[in-house]
């Protein structure tokens, strides 16, 4: 399979959302933050992700992957946030777009409701995430933040996840910038991300109540930029199928 990775466009959004909804249907974080499964609204979720993609097309590094033999079907997508230096003030376009994003999400919630989302758990996660990033993000150059990498279940194990990851990792290496991600699965994801040069930096516990279902652990991983010669050599040694990322 020849995989083509390109920047996401408006026409790609529906296909990208299909990959997210299918691949993350049973993801531990998804199950935790949407505890009442009877209230889940895939329509509301699609609207929310559409808003996010529209923002990311303009201000993020959002990519999609296709098989060149069937370019009409999106097989995977990746959502990265670009680095921002801590001392660098937020630009006016980004500031205004952040308010647009917030307003659009409020309007969506008024129209569709929460769709089963536990706002208590969501804000617990956001607080733990902010604490983890404050502790781990020490580079003055900022960090490329891998928010989502996902591949359709039937297309996993074919190099699509690798192609999506390397699209930004190569850019980070050229710029000498660290990368960061959070995974909700220790197995098999931590080992998979380690093959890309990430290292486990922190286990982030999010606790809502004392029940077994009220707690989730996310795995915070960091990747130091690599010399380009080392990256090329590692890629030649690890051309195995099965290295594709799972959600």
Protein backbone atom coordinates (compact mmCIF):
# COMPACT_ATOMS: atom_id res chain seq x y z
CA UNK A 1 0.00 0.00 0.00
CA UNK A 2 1.28 3.43 -0.95
CA UNK A 3 0.27 5.92 1.73
CA UNK A 4 -0.19 9.59 0.91
CA UNK A 5 -0.22 12.10 3.76
CA UNK A 6 -1.48 15.63 3.17
CA UNK A 7 -2.73 18.60 5.13
CA UNK A 8 -6.40 18.32 6.04
CA UNK A 9 -8.89 20.36 4.01
CA UNK A 10 -12.56 21.11 4.60
CA UNK A 11 -13.46 18.31 2.19
CA UNK A 12 -11.49 15.82 4.33
CA UNK A 13 -13.23 16.57 7.63
CA UNK A 14 -16.06 14.02 7.44
CA UNK A 15 -13.67 11.22 6.47
CA UNK A 16 -11.26 12.16 9.25
CA UNK A 17 -14.08 12.13 11.81
CA UNK A 18 -15.09 8.65 10.62
CA UNK A 19 -11.61 7.39 11.53
CA UNK A 20 -11.77 9.02 14.98
CA UNK A 21 -15.24 7.74 15.87
CA UNK A 22 -14.45 4.19 14.80
CA UNK A 23 -10.96 3.91 16.24
CA UNK A 24 -11.79 5.56 19.57
CA UNK A 25 -15.16 3.89 20.20
CA UNK A 26 -13.73 1.75 23.02
CA UNK A 27 -10.79 3.92 24.01
CA UNK A 28 -10.29 4.06 27.81
CA UNK A 29 -10.34 7.86 27.94
CA UNK A 30 -13.49 7.96 25.81
CA UNK A 31 -15.20 5.44 28.11
CA UNK A 32 -14.12 7.42 31.18
CA UNK A 33 -15.14 10.90 30.05
CA UNK A 34 -18.44 9.60 28.60
CA UNK A 35 -19.50 7.29 31.45
CA UNK A 36 -23.21 7.18 30.58
CA UNK A 37 -23.07 5.39 27.27
CA UNK A 38 -26.84 5.66 26.77
CA UNK A 39 -26.53 9.43 26.32
CA UNK A 40 -23.76 9.43 23.74
CA UNK A 41 -24.64 11.40 20.62
CA UNK A 42 -22.43 10.70 17.63
CA UNK A 43 -24.11 13.63 15.88
CA UNK A 44 -23.07 16.01 18.63
CA UNK A 45 -19.59 14.46 18.63
CA UNK A 46 -19.33 14.98 14.87
CA UNK A 47 -20.30 18.64 15.21
CA UNK A 48 -17.72 19.10 17.97
CA UNK A 49 -14.97 17.45 15.93
CA UNK A 50 -15.93 19.46 12.85
CA UNK A 51 -15.46 22.69 14.81
CA UNK A 52 -12.11 21.44 16.05
CA UNK A 53 -10.97 20.44 12.56
CA UNK A 54 -11.98 23.80 11.09
CA UNK A 55 -9.85 25.48 13.74
CA UNK A 56 -6.96 23.05 13.21
CA UNK A 57 -6.87 23.51 9.45
CA UNK A 58 -6.04 27.17 10.06
CA UNK A 59 -3.93 27.01 13.20
CA UNK A 60 -2.75 23.44 13.75
CA UNK A 61 -0.95 20.71 11.84
CA UNK A 62 -3.89 18.49 10.93
CA UNK A 63 -3.13 15.74 8.40
CA UNK A 64 -5.01 12.91 6.70
CA UNK A 65 -3.74 9.70 5.11
CA UNK A 66 -5.01 7.92 2.01
CA UNK A 67 -4.18 4.89 -0.08
CA UNK A 68 -3.07 6.29 -3.41
CA UNK A 69 -5.11 3.56 -5.15
CA UNK A 70 -8.30 4.87 -3.48
CA UNK A 71 -7.72 8.56 -2.71
CA UNK A 72 -11.39 9.27 -1.98
CA UNK A 73 -11.30 7.39 1.34
CA UNK A 74 -9.56 8.77 4.43
CA UNK A 75 -7.79 5.97 6.30
CA UNK A 76 -6.32 7.93 9.19
CA UNK A 77 -5.76 11.39 10.59
CA UNK A 78 -3.40 13.19 12.93
CA UNK A 79 -3.96 16.37 14.90
CA UNK A 80 -0.84 18.18 16.07
CA UNK A 81 -0.57 21.54 17.77
CA UNK A 82 2.50 23.54 16.75
CA UNK A 83 5.06 24.69 19.33
CA UNK A 84 4.79 28.09 20.92
CA UNK A 85 7.67 29.58 22.84
CA UNK A 86 6.64 30.37 26.44
CA UNK A 87 8.01 33.90 26.17
CA UNK A 88 6.25 34.54 22.86
CA UNK A 89 2.88 36.32 23.16
CA UNK A 90 -0.12 34.79 21.45
CA UNK A 91 -0.78 36.33 18.04
CA UNK A 92 -4.00 38.26 17.47
CA UNK A 93 -5.29 35.81 14.81
CA UNK A 94 -4.74 32.89 17.20
CA UNK A 95 -6.26 34.81 20.11
CA UNK A 96 -9.38 35.68 18.12
CA UNK A 97 -9.70 32.16 16.71
CA UNK A 98 -9.52 30.72 20.23
CA UNK A 99 -12.50 32.86 21.19
CA UNK A 100 -14.29 31.72 18.02
CA UNK A 101 -13.61 28.11 19.00
CA UNK A 102 -14.95 28.68 22.52
CA UNK A 103 -18.07 30.46 21.25
CA UNK A 104 -18.77 27.73 18.69
CA UNK A 105 -18.50 25.05 21.36
CA UNK A 106 -20.85 26.93 23.69
CA UNK A 107 -23.38 27.30 20.90
CA UNK A 108 -23.06 23.60 20.11
CA UNK A 109 -23.68 22.66 23.76
CA UNK A 110 -26.79 24.86 23.88
CA UNK A 111 -28.16 23.16 20.76
CA UNK A 112 -27.08 19.53 21.26
CA UNK A 113 -26.47 19.28 25.00
CA UNK A 114 -23.46 17.47 26.43
CA UNK A 115 -24.06 14.17 24.63
CA UNK A 116 -23.10 12.12 27.67
CA UNK A 117 -19.92 14.07 28.41
CA UNK A 118 -19.04 14.26 32.11
CA UNK A 119 -17.93 17.86 32.54
CA UNK A 120 -16.61 16.99 36.00
CA UNK A 121 -14.27 14.38 34.56
CA UNK A 122 -13.34 16.59 31.62
CA UNK A 123 -12.15 19.39 33.90
CA UNK A 124 -10.34 16.93 36.17
CA UNK A 125 -8.40 15.82 33.10
CA UNK A 126 -7.70 19.38 31.96
CA UNK A 127 -6.36 20.26 35.41
CA UNK A 128 -4.11 17.18 35.55
CA UNK A 129 -2.96 17.89 32.00
CA UNK A 130 -2.04 21.49 32.82
CA UNK A 131 -0.09 20.29 35.88
CA UNK A 132 1.78 17.68 33.83
CA UNK A 133 2.68 20.10 31.07
CA UNK A 134 3.83 22.74 33.53
CA UNK A 135 6.21 20.18 35.03
CA UNK A 136 7.40 18.53 31.83
CA UNK A 137 7.47 21.34 29.29
CA UNK A 138 10.81 22.99 30.02
CA UNK A 139 12.13 23.72 26.51
CA UNK A 140 12.25 27.38 25.51
CA UNK A 141 11.32 26.35 21.96
CA UNK A 142 7.97 24.89 22.97
CA UNK A 143 6.62 21.45 21.99
CA UNK A 144 4.85 19.82 19.09
CA UNK A 145 1.79 18.33 20.80
CA UNK A 146 0.33 15.19 19.21
CA UNK A 147 -3.32 15.43 20.21
CA UNK A 148 -4.73 12.60 18.08
CA UNK A 149 -3.34 9.96 15.76
CA UNK A 150 -5.91 7.47 14.55
CA UNK A 151 -6.31 4.85 11.84
CA UNK A 152 -9.42 2.99 10.68
CA UNK A 153 -9.48 -0.44 12.37
CA UNK A 154 -9.38 -2.31 9.05
CA UNK A 155 -6.40 -0.26 7.87
CA UNK A 156 -4.18 -0.73 10.91
CA UNK A 157 -0.84 -2.48 10.58
CA UNK A 158 -0.18 -1.10 7.10
CA UNK A 159 2.13 1.80 7.89
CA UNK A 160 -0.50 4.53 7.95
CA UNK A 161 0.11 5.53 11.55
CA UNK A 162 3.84 5.65 10.93
CA UNK A 163 3.40 7.89 7.88
CA UNK A 164 1.18 10.27 9.86
CA UNK A 165 3.62 10.44 12.75
CA UNK A 166 6.72 10.96 10.65
CA UNK A 167 5.12 13.85 8.77
CA UNK A 168 5.55 16.03 11.87
CA UNK A 169 8.42 14.23 13.60
CA UNK A 170 10.69 14.97 10.66
CA UNK A 171 9.75 18.63 10.86
CA UNK A 172 10.43 18.65 14.61
CA UNK A 173 13.85 17.08 14.04
CA UNK A 174 14.76 19.67 11.42
CA UNK A 175 13.80 22.46 13.82
CA UNK A 176 15.32 20.83 16.91
CA UNK A 177 11.99 20.88 18.79
CA UNK A 178 10.70 18.37 21.34
CA UNK A 179 7.40 16.49 20.91
CA UNK A 180 4.79 15.52 23.48
CA UNK A 181 1.77 13.23 23.58
CA UNK A 182 -0.62 11.55 26.00
CA UNK A 183 -1.85 7.99 25.53
CA UNK A 184 -4.74 6.34 27.38
CA UNK A 185 -3.34 2.84 26.74
CA UNK A 186 -0.11 1.55 28.19
CA UNK A 187 -0.38 -1.58 26.05
CA UNK A 188 0.45 -1.55 23.22
CA UNK A 189 0.80 2.21 22.71
CA UNK A 190 3.75 3.05 24.96
CA UNK A 191 5.99 0.52 23.21
CA UNK A 192 4.79 1.69 19.79
CA UNK A 193 5.54 5.33 20.58
CA UNK A 194 8.94 4.34 21.95
CA UNK A 195 9.83 3.10 18.47
CA UNK A 196 9.36 6.69 17.31
CA UNK A 197 11.78 7.95 19.96
CA UNK A 198 9.28 8.89 22.67
CA UNK A 199 9.98 8.07 26.32
CA UNK A 200 7.48 7.70 29.13
CA UNK A 201 7.84 10.81 31.29
CA UNK A 202 4.86 10.69 33.65
CA UNK A 203 1.81 8.61 34.55
CA UNK A 204 -1.06 11.07 34.89
CA UNK A 205 -3.82 9.82 37.19
CA UNK A 206 -7.29 11.33 36.84
CA UNK A 207 -9.58 10.40 39.73
CA UNK A 208 -13.28 11.24 39.84
CA UNK A 209 -14.48 8.93 42.63
CA UNK A 210 -13.37 5.81 44.50
CA UNK A 211 -14.92 3.35 42.07
CA UNK A 212 -12.79 1.39 39.62
CA UNK A 213 -14.51 3.12 36.72
CA UNK A 214 -13.90 6.55 38.26
CA UNK A 215 -10.15 6.52 37.65
CA UNK A 216 -8.03 6.58 34.53
CA UNK A 217 -4.29 6.79 33.93
CA UNK A 218 -2.86 8.63 30.94
CA UNK A 219 0.74 8.17 29.86
CA UNK A 220 2.66 11.37 29.13
CA UNK A 221 5.52 10.85 26.70
CA UNK A 222 8.29 13.14 25.46
CA UNK A 223 10.49 12.91 22.41
CA UNK A 224 13.82 14.67 22.11
CA UNK A 225 14.65 15.88 18.59
CA UNK A 226 16.92 13.45 16.75
CA UNK A 227 19.78 14.09 14.33
CA UNK A 228 18.38 13.46 10.85
CA UNK A 229 21.00 10.79 10.05
CA UNK A 230 19.88 8.78 13.10
CA UNK A 231 16.25 9.05 12.03
CA UNK A 232 16.97 7.76 8.51
CA UNK A 233 18.91 4.82 9.90
CA UNK A 234 16.18 3.88 12.37
CA UNK A 235 13.56 4.04 9.63
CA UNK A 236 15.49 1.56 7.47
CA UNK A 237 15.84 -0.85 10.42
CA UNK A 238 12.16 -0.68 11.37
CA UNK A 239 10.15 -1.13 8.19
CA UNK A 240 7.98 -3.78 9.87
CA UNK A 241 4.21 -4.03 9.48
CA UNK A 242 2.38 -3.78 12.75
CA UNK A 243 4.13 -0.60 13.84
CA UNK A 244 1.00 1.40 13.09
CA UNK A 245 -0.41 3.31 16.01
CA UNK A 246 -3.55 2.22 17.75
CA UNK A 247 -5.86 4.78 19.40
